[in-house]
N, C-alpha and C. Protein backbone atom coordinates (compact mmCIF):
# COMPACT_ATOMS: atom_id res chain seq x y z
N MET A 1 -52.32 -70.36 74.27
CA MET A 1 -52.59 -69.87 75.81
C MET A 1 -52.95 -70.95 76.86
N ILE A 2 -52.36 -71.38 77.72
CA ILE A 2 -52.94 -72.67 78.52
C ILE A 2 -54.03 -72.11 79.46
N LYS A 3 -54.72 -72.65 79.35
CA LYS A 3 -56.01 -72.15 80.49
C LYS A 3 -56.19 -73.13 81.47
N GLN A 4 -56.15 -72.70 82.95
CA GLN A 4 -55.78 -73.37 84.10
C GLN A 4 -56.77 -72.68 84.96
N THR A 5 -57.35 -73.88 85.75
CA THR A 5 -58.29 -73.37 86.87
C THR A 5 -58.18 -73.65 87.53
N LEU A 6 -58.31 -72.61 89.20
CA LEU A 6 -57.61 -73.18 89.63
C LEU A 6 -58.57 -73.94 90.95
N PRO A 7 -57.98 -74.23 91.73
CA PRO A 7 -58.27 -74.95 92.73
C PRO A 7 -58.99 -74.26 93.92
N ALA A 8 -60.38 -74.90 94.54
CA ALA A 8 -60.84 -74.38 95.62
C ALA A 8 -60.03 -73.95 96.70
N PRO A 9 -59.89 -72.98 97.12
CA PRO A 9 -59.72 -72.66 98.52
C PRO A 9 -59.23 -74.07 99.33
N GLY A 10 -58.25 -74.61 100.09
CA GLY A 10 -57.92 -75.24 101.26
C GLY A 10 -57.48 -76.94 100.52
N THR A 11 -57.94 -76.51 98.90
CA THR A 11 -57.36 -77.98 98.26
C THR A 11 -56.14 -77.66 97.71
N ILE A 12 -55.13 -78.94 97.06
CA ILE A 12 -54.55 -79.47 96.25
C ILE A 12 -54.59 -79.28 95.00
N ASN A 13 -53.73 -78.64 94.31
CA ASN A 13 -54.23 -78.60 92.83
C ASN A 13 -52.38 -79.45 92.25
N LYS A 14 -52.84 -80.76 91.72
CA LYS A 14 -52.51 -81.89 91.37
C LYS A 14 -51.87 -81.99 90.44
N GLN A 15 -52.19 -80.78 89.73
CA GLN A 15 -52.02 -80.95 88.09
C GLN A 15 -50.40 -80.00 87.90
N PRO A 16 -49.81 -80.61 86.98
CA PRO A 16 -48.17 -80.48 86.43
C PRO A 16 -48.77 -78.41 86.30
N LEU A 17 -47.50 -77.85 86.88
CA LEU A 17 -47.58 -75.99 86.24
C LEU A 17 -46.94 -76.53 84.81
N PRO A 18 -47.55 -75.84 83.75
CA PRO A 18 -47.14 -75.39 82.42
C PRO A 18 -45.85 -75.00 82.53
N ALA A 19 -44.77 -75.72 81.59
CA ALA A 19 -43.18 -75.61 81.58
C ALA A 19 -43.44 -74.10 81.41
N ALA A 20 -43.74 -73.06 81.30
CA ALA A 20 -43.75 -71.10 80.99
C ALA A 20 -43.67 -70.94 82.34
N ALA A 21 -44.53 -71.48 83.35
CA ALA A 21 -45.45 -70.82 84.56
C ALA A 21 -43.90 -69.88 85.52
N ASP A 22 -44.50 -68.94 85.84
CA ASP A 22 -43.75 -68.70 86.70
C ASP A 22 -43.77 -68.48 87.98
N THR A 23 -43.12 -69.08 88.79
CA THR A 23 -43.63 -69.49 90.33
C THR A 23 -42.67 -68.56 90.88
N GLY A 24 -42.42 -67.44 91.03
CA GLY A 24 -42.35 -66.59 91.41
C GLY A 24 -40.66 -66.32 91.69
N PRO A 25 -40.30 -65.73 93.29
CA PRO A 25 -38.56 -66.12 93.25
C PRO A 25 -38.39 -67.24 94.25
N GLN A 26 -37.38 -67.66 93.59
CA GLN A 26 -37.00 -68.95 93.84
C GLN A 26 -35.59 -68.38 95.34
N LEU A 27 -35.53 -69.48 96.16
CA LEU A 27 -34.40 -69.35 96.76
C LEU A 27 -33.36 -69.90 96.18
N GLN A 28 -32.18 -69.69 96.23
CA GLN A 28 -30.90 -70.31 95.81
C GLN A 28 -30.27 -71.68 96.79
N PRO A 29 -29.58 -72.26 96.09
CA PRO A 29 -29.20 -73.33 97.00
C PRO A 29 -28.55 -72.54 97.71
N ALA A 30 -27.69 -72.92 98.98
CA ALA A 30 -26.90 -72.07 100.27
C ALA A 30 -25.32 -71.86 99.22
N GLU A 31 -25.01 -72.50 98.59
CA GLU A 31 -23.47 -72.42 98.10
C GLU A 31 -23.62 -70.91 97.18
N GLU A 32 -25.11 -70.96 96.54
CA GLU A 32 -25.06 -69.66 95.41
C GLU A 32 -25.27 -68.46 96.44
N ARG A 33 -26.00 -68.43 97.84
CA ARG A 33 -26.15 -67.59 98.26
C ARG A 33 -25.14 -66.64 99.22
N ARG A 34 -23.73 -67.92 98.87
CA ARG A 34 -22.62 -67.36 99.98
C ARG A 34 -22.15 -65.71 99.56
N ARG A 35 -21.07 -65.10 100.08
CA ARG A 35 -20.80 -63.87 99.83
C ARG A 35 -19.63 -64.06 99.43
N SER A 36 -18.75 -65.39 99.78
CA SER A 36 -17.70 -65.36 98.85
C SER A 36 -17.23 -67.02 98.91
N GLN A 37 -16.48 -66.89 98.02
CA GLN A 37 -16.37 -68.52 97.63
C GLN A 37 -15.85 -69.29 98.85
N ARG A 38 -16.26 -70.69 99.04
CA ARG A 38 -15.65 -71.35 100.00
C ARG A 38 -14.85 -72.59 99.31
N VAL A 39 -13.80 -72.79 99.66
CA VAL A 39 -12.64 -73.72 99.54
C VAL A 39 -12.63 -74.55 100.32
N ILE A 40 -12.45 -76.03 100.37
CA ILE A 40 -12.05 -76.76 100.90
C ILE A 40 -11.04 -77.45 101.19
N ILE A 41 -10.22 -76.84 102.33
CA ILE A 41 -8.58 -76.89 102.29
C ILE A 41 -8.56 -77.07 104.37
N GLN A 42 -7.83 -77.94 104.74
CA GLN A 42 -7.15 -77.55 105.94
C GLN A 42 -5.97 -76.69 106.28
N VAL A 43 -6.30 -76.03 107.22
CA VAL A 43 -5.21 -75.13 107.28
C VAL A 43 -4.94 -75.08 108.81
N PRO A 44 -3.64 -75.03 109.24
CA PRO A 44 -3.63 -75.17 110.81
C PRO A 44 -3.76 -73.76 111.57
N VAL A 45 -4.73 -73.52 112.37
CA VAL A 45 -5.01 -72.35 113.22
C VAL A 45 -4.85 -72.61 114.61
N THR A 46 -4.54 -71.16 115.33
CA THR A 46 -5.12 -71.29 116.68
C THR A 46 -5.72 -70.18 117.39
N LEU A 47 -6.53 -70.66 117.93
CA LEU A 47 -7.56 -70.18 118.22
C LEU A 47 -6.84 -69.15 119.91
N GLU A 48 -7.03 -67.74 119.60
CA GLU A 48 -6.52 -66.82 121.37
C GLU A 48 -7.69 -66.18 121.60
N MET A 49 -8.11 -66.48 122.93
CA MET A 49 -8.87 -66.34 123.92
C MET A 49 -8.67 -65.94 125.31
N THR A 50 -9.43 -64.92 125.63
CA THR A 50 -8.94 -64.83 127.57
C THR A 50 -10.14 -65.18 127.99
N VAL A 51 -9.95 -65.89 129.03
CA VAL A 51 -11.00 -66.33 129.96
C VAL A 51 -10.79 -66.37 131.72
N SER A 52 -11.57 -65.88 132.14
CA SER A 52 -11.26 -65.48 133.86
C SER A 52 -9.92 -65.14 133.60
N GLY A 53 -9.28 -63.47 132.99
CA GLY A 53 -8.36 -63.25 132.98
C GLY A 53 -6.84 -64.04 132.65
N THR A 54 -6.97 -64.89 131.94
CA THR A 54 -6.11 -66.08 131.81
C THR A 54 -6.31 -66.50 130.00
N LYS A 55 -4.77 -66.22 129.44
CA LYS A 55 -5.35 -66.11 128.07
C LYS A 55 -5.07 -67.90 127.67
N VAL A 56 -5.64 -68.36 126.92
CA VAL A 56 -6.12 -69.70 126.32
C VAL A 56 -5.85 -69.69 124.94
N THR A 57 -4.60 -70.56 125.04
CA THR A 57 -4.56 -70.71 123.07
C THR A 57 -4.85 -72.44 123.19
N VAL A 58 -5.69 -72.56 122.08
CA VAL A 58 -6.61 -73.96 121.24
C VAL A 58 -6.04 -74.00 120.11
N ARG A 59 -5.73 -75.48 119.66
CA ARG A 59 -5.24 -75.56 118.23
C ARG A 59 -6.36 -76.25 117.24
N ALA A 60 -6.03 -75.84 115.84
CA ALA A 60 -7.61 -76.89 115.58
C ALA A 60 -7.09 -76.17 114.30
N LYS A 61 -7.96 -76.63 113.22
CA LYS A 61 -7.57 -76.44 111.62
C LYS A 61 -8.72 -76.35 111.03
N THR A 62 -8.81 -75.85 109.75
CA THR A 62 -10.15 -75.71 108.73
C THR A 62 -10.62 -76.90 108.04
N ALA A 63 -11.85 -76.70 108.24
CA ALA A 63 -12.25 -77.83 107.51
C ALA A 63 -12.01 -76.67 105.99
N SER A 64 -13.44 -75.91 105.84
CA SER A 64 -12.97 -74.91 104.63
C SER A 64 -13.32 -73.62 105.08
N ILE A 65 -12.95 -72.55 104.14
CA ILE A 65 -12.46 -71.72 104.51
C ILE A 65 -12.87 -70.50 103.28
N ASN A 66 -13.09 -69.03 103.74
CA ASN A 66 -13.71 -68.21 102.32
C ASN A 66 -13.41 -66.68 103.10
N ASP A 67 -13.36 -65.49 102.45
CA ASP A 67 -13.06 -64.26 102.95
C ASP A 67 -13.59 -63.78 104.38
N HIS A 68 -14.78 -64.48 104.61
CA HIS A 68 -15.64 -63.92 105.52
C HIS A 68 -15.35 -64.99 106.92
N GLY A 69 -14.60 -65.85 107.16
CA GLY A 69 -14.74 -67.21 108.00
C GLY A 69 -14.55 -68.02 107.90
N ALA A 70 -14.90 -69.37 108.72
CA ALA A 70 -14.31 -70.66 108.01
C ALA A 70 -14.94 -71.43 109.12
N MET A 71 -15.02 -73.22 108.28
CA MET A 71 -15.48 -73.98 109.41
C MET A 71 -14.24 -74.74 110.05
N LEU A 72 -14.46 -74.70 111.12
CA LEU A 72 -13.07 -74.79 111.92
C LEU A 72 -13.65 -76.40 112.23
N ILE A 73 -12.04 -77.43 112.97
CA ILE A 73 -12.51 -78.60 113.32
C ILE A 73 -11.58 -78.71 115.05
N CYS A 74 -11.89 -78.72 115.88
CA CYS A 74 -11.78 -78.47 117.22
C CYS A 74 -11.72 -79.30 117.98
N THR A 75 -11.42 -79.90 118.83
CA THR A 75 -11.57 -81.05 120.14
C THR A 75 -12.22 -80.39 121.26
N ARG A 76 -12.33 -79.04 120.89
CA ARG A 76 -12.96 -78.22 122.04
C ARG A 76 -14.82 -77.58 121.41
N ASN A 77 -15.46 -77.87 122.42
CA ASN A 77 -16.79 -76.61 121.73
C ASN A 77 -16.97 -75.27 122.27
N PHE A 78 -17.51 -74.96 121.80
CA PHE A 78 -17.69 -73.34 121.82
C PHE A 78 -18.92 -72.61 121.64
N PRO A 79 -19.47 -72.23 122.95
CA PRO A 79 -20.89 -71.52 122.62
C PRO A 79 -21.01 -70.66 121.47
N VAL A 80 -22.07 -70.25 120.54
CA VAL A 80 -22.57 -69.59 119.71
C VAL A 80 -22.07 -68.56 120.41
N GLU A 81 -21.53 -66.97 119.60
CA GLU A 81 -21.27 -65.70 120.35
C GLU A 81 -20.12 -66.11 120.80
N THR A 82 -19.34 -67.03 120.95
CA THR A 82 -18.10 -66.74 121.69
C THR A 82 -16.53 -66.11 120.53
N LYS A 83 -16.07 -65.21 120.84
CA LYS A 83 -15.53 -64.38 120.74
C LYS A 83 -14.03 -64.94 121.01
N PHE A 84 -12.88 -65.00 119.59
CA PHE A 84 -11.76 -65.10 119.82
C PHE A 84 -10.57 -64.33 118.67
N ASP A 85 -9.20 -64.60 118.93
CA ASP A 85 -8.86 -64.30 117.73
C ASP A 85 -8.44 -65.73 116.73
N LEU A 86 -8.35 -65.55 115.91
CA LEU A 86 -7.93 -66.58 115.06
C LEU A 86 -6.81 -66.12 114.51
N VAL A 87 -5.61 -66.95 114.27
CA VAL A 87 -4.87 -67.08 113.80
C VAL A 87 -4.18 -68.19 113.45
N ASN A 88 -3.61 -67.80 111.81
CA ASN A 88 -3.38 -68.95 110.63
C ASN A 88 -1.80 -69.07 111.05
N ASP A 89 -2.10 -70.31 111.37
CA ASP A 89 -0.59 -70.58 111.59
C ASP A 89 0.20 -70.75 110.45
N ARG A 90 0.12 -70.65 109.52
CA ARG A 90 0.98 -70.47 107.76
C ARG A 90 1.38 -69.36 107.72
N THR A 91 0.90 -68.24 108.22
CA THR A 91 0.90 -66.94 107.94
C THR A 91 1.29 -65.93 108.91
N ALA A 92 1.04 -66.46 110.08
CA ALA A 92 0.73 -65.71 111.63
C ALA A 92 0.01 -64.74 111.56
N LYS A 93 -0.95 -64.30 110.14
CA LYS A 93 -1.73 -63.57 110.54
C LYS A 93 -2.74 -63.43 111.30
N LYS A 94 -3.55 -62.67 112.37
CA LYS A 94 -4.29 -62.71 113.04
C LYS A 94 -5.78 -61.98 112.83
N GLN A 95 -6.97 -62.52 113.29
CA GLN A 95 -8.34 -61.86 112.51
C GLN A 95 -9.40 -62.06 113.77
N SER A 96 -9.79 -61.21 114.22
CA SER A 96 -10.99 -61.38 114.98
C SER A 96 -11.91 -61.74 114.45
N CYS A 97 -12.85 -62.96 115.70
CA CYS A 97 -13.88 -64.08 114.73
C CYS A 97 -14.54 -63.99 115.97
N ARG A 98 -16.06 -64.91 115.59
CA ARG A 98 -17.12 -65.46 116.45
C ARG A 98 -17.63 -66.64 115.76
N VAL A 99 -17.98 -67.35 117.21
CA VAL A 99 -18.85 -68.53 116.63
C VAL A 99 -20.47 -68.17 116.21
N THR A 100 -20.75 -68.69 115.13
CA THR A 100 -21.49 -68.29 114.31
C THR A 100 -23.34 -68.87 114.73
N ARG A 101 -22.47 -70.41 114.82
CA ARG A 101 -24.07 -71.32 115.19
C ARG A 101 -23.38 -72.12 116.04
N THR A 102 -24.15 -73.13 116.30
CA THR A 102 -23.88 -73.92 117.34
C THR A 102 -23.14 -75.55 116.57
N ALA A 103 -21.97 -75.56 116.74
CA ALA A 103 -21.02 -76.82 116.52
C ALA A 103 -21.78 -78.08 116.47
N ILE A 104 -21.57 -78.85 114.79
CA ILE A 104 -21.61 -80.11 114.96
C ILE A 104 -20.82 -81.20 115.40
N GLU A 105 -20.81 -82.41 116.17
CA GLU A 105 -20.02 -83.25 116.69
C GLU A 105 -19.55 -84.07 115.59
N ASN A 106 -18.31 -84.60 115.18
CA ASN A 106 -17.85 -85.57 114.78
C ASN A 106 -17.13 -86.44 114.70
N GLN A 107 -16.50 -87.65 113.64
CA GLN A 107 -15.35 -88.60 114.75
C GLN A 107 -14.06 -87.50 115.01
N GLN A 108 -13.93 -86.20 114.56
CA GLN A 108 -12.68 -85.59 114.78
C GLN A 108 -12.58 -84.76 115.83
N GLY A 109 -14.35 -84.16 116.02
CA GLY A 109 -13.49 -83.39 117.06
C GLY A 109 -15.25 -82.61 117.01
N TYR A 110 -15.30 -81.09 116.31
CA TYR A 110 -16.40 -80.78 116.68
C TYR A 110 -16.11 -79.24 115.34
N LEU A 111 -17.39 -79.47 114.67
CA LEU A 111 -17.60 -78.70 113.30
C LEU A 111 -17.69 -77.00 113.63
N ILE A 112 -16.38 -76.39 114.29
CA ILE A 112 -17.38 -75.07 114.29
C ILE A 112 -17.54 -73.95 113.68
N PRO A 113 -18.63 -73.19 113.06
CA PRO A 113 -18.55 -72.45 112.20
C PRO A 113 -18.39 -70.78 112.16
N VAL A 114 -17.09 -70.22 112.22
CA VAL A 114 -16.74 -68.60 112.35
C VAL A 114 -17.11 -68.11 111.24
N GLU A 115 -17.42 -66.78 111.83
CA GLU A 115 -17.35 -65.37 110.91
C GLU A 115 -15.95 -64.53 111.62
N PHE A 116 -15.29 -63.70 110.42
CA PHE A 116 -14.41 -62.91 110.72
C PHE A 116 -15.54 -61.87 111.25
N ALA A 117 -15.21 -60.64 112.34
CA ALA A 117 -15.29 -59.25 112.46
C ALA A 117 -15.36 -58.52 111.03
N ALA A 118 -14.66 -58.64 110.54
CA ALA A 118 -14.60 -58.08 108.99
C ALA A 118 -14.54 -58.53 107.72
N PRO A 119 -14.43 -58.71 106.74
CA PRO A 119 -13.61 -59.55 105.67
C PRO A 119 -12.71 -59.35 105.87
N ALA A 120 -12.00 -60.25 105.68
CA ALA A 120 -10.39 -60.80 105.61
C ALA A 120 -9.99 -60.91 104.34
N GLN A 121 -10.19 -60.55 103.28
CA GLN A 121 -9.60 -60.69 101.95
C GLN A 121 -7.89 -61.04 102.01
N GLY A 122 -7.43 -61.81 101.55
CA GLY A 122 -6.05 -62.25 101.81
C GLY A 122 -5.65 -63.28 103.20
N PHE A 123 -6.85 -63.20 103.97
CA PHE A 123 -5.81 -63.76 105.58
C PHE A 123 -5.40 -65.39 105.07
N TRP A 124 -6.28 -65.62 104.45
CA TRP A 124 -5.89 -67.56 104.12
C TRP A 124 -4.50 -67.14 103.22
N ASN A 125 -4.45 -66.49 102.46
CA ASN A 125 -3.15 -66.55 101.26
C ASN A 125 -3.19 -67.13 100.42
N ILE A 126 -4.79 -67.78 99.92
CA ILE A 126 -4.81 -68.16 98.73
C ILE A 126 -5.58 -67.52 97.92
N SER A 127 -5.25 -68.28 96.35
CA SER A 127 -6.48 -67.45 95.51
C SER A 127 -7.58 -67.98 95.57
N PHE A 128 -8.99 -67.74 95.49
CA PHE A 128 -9.99 -68.26 95.50
C PHE A 128 -10.47 -67.91 94.22
N PRO A 129 -11.27 -69.10 93.83
CA PRO A 129 -11.90 -69.39 92.77
C PRO A 129 -12.87 -67.82 92.80
N PRO A 130 -13.25 -67.70 91.07
CA PRO A 130 -13.80 -66.39 90.60
C PRO A 130 -15.45 -66.71 91.01
N PRO A 131 -16.50 -65.57 91.20
CA PRO A 131 -17.52 -66.17 91.44
C PRO A 131 -18.78 -66.52 90.43
N GLY A 132 -19.07 -67.52 90.84
CA GLY A 132 -20.10 -68.55 89.84
C GLY A 132 -19.20 -69.52 89.10
N TRP A 133 -17.93 -69.82 89.79
CA TRP A 133 -17.00 -70.66 89.65
C TRP A 133 -17.68 -72.04 89.93
N LYS A 134 -18.09 -73.33 89.06
CA LYS A 134 -18.58 -74.60 89.83
C LYS A 134 -17.38 -75.16 89.35
N PRO A 135 -17.22 -76.48 89.97
CA PRO A 135 -16.06 -77.90 89.77
C PRO A 135 -16.86 -78.47 88.40
N LEU A 136 -16.40 -79.07 87.88
CA LEU A 136 -16.98 -79.76 86.65
C LEU A 136 -17.06 -81.11 87.41
N GLU A 137 -18.05 -81.67 86.92
CA GLU A 137 -19.25 -82.53 87.89
C GLU A 137 -18.69 -83.93 86.99
N ASN A 138 -18.35 -85.03 87.59
CA ASN A 138 -18.24 -86.32 87.13
C ASN A 138 -19.37 -86.96 86.29
């Protein structure tokens, strides 16, 4: 048994923890906290929404997809909580969604994270890797 003395309150213990020490619950990396597997793929999509009574369509593509939504690449930016219908141009399937976070601008336009109003298994018409699957590392 390793005996370890605790530092005085307000000081930092610079001694390494024993290898078998229980450090309590740990946060998992974002990839392991996801509700469904994410696949990096570009799929052409159309965003359909109504603005001031007028139907507006905006062309975009995906940067990544999952059963709960996607990361879109679009030339236009949209505020958080913007709602629209997302059409998969390859299958003509339509799904209601909303913007979940502030977009990030890059060279191709804006990276816009969207979440489906309800999980849409099969919307992307691809087979996702099984849970826990990891690609081979080089």
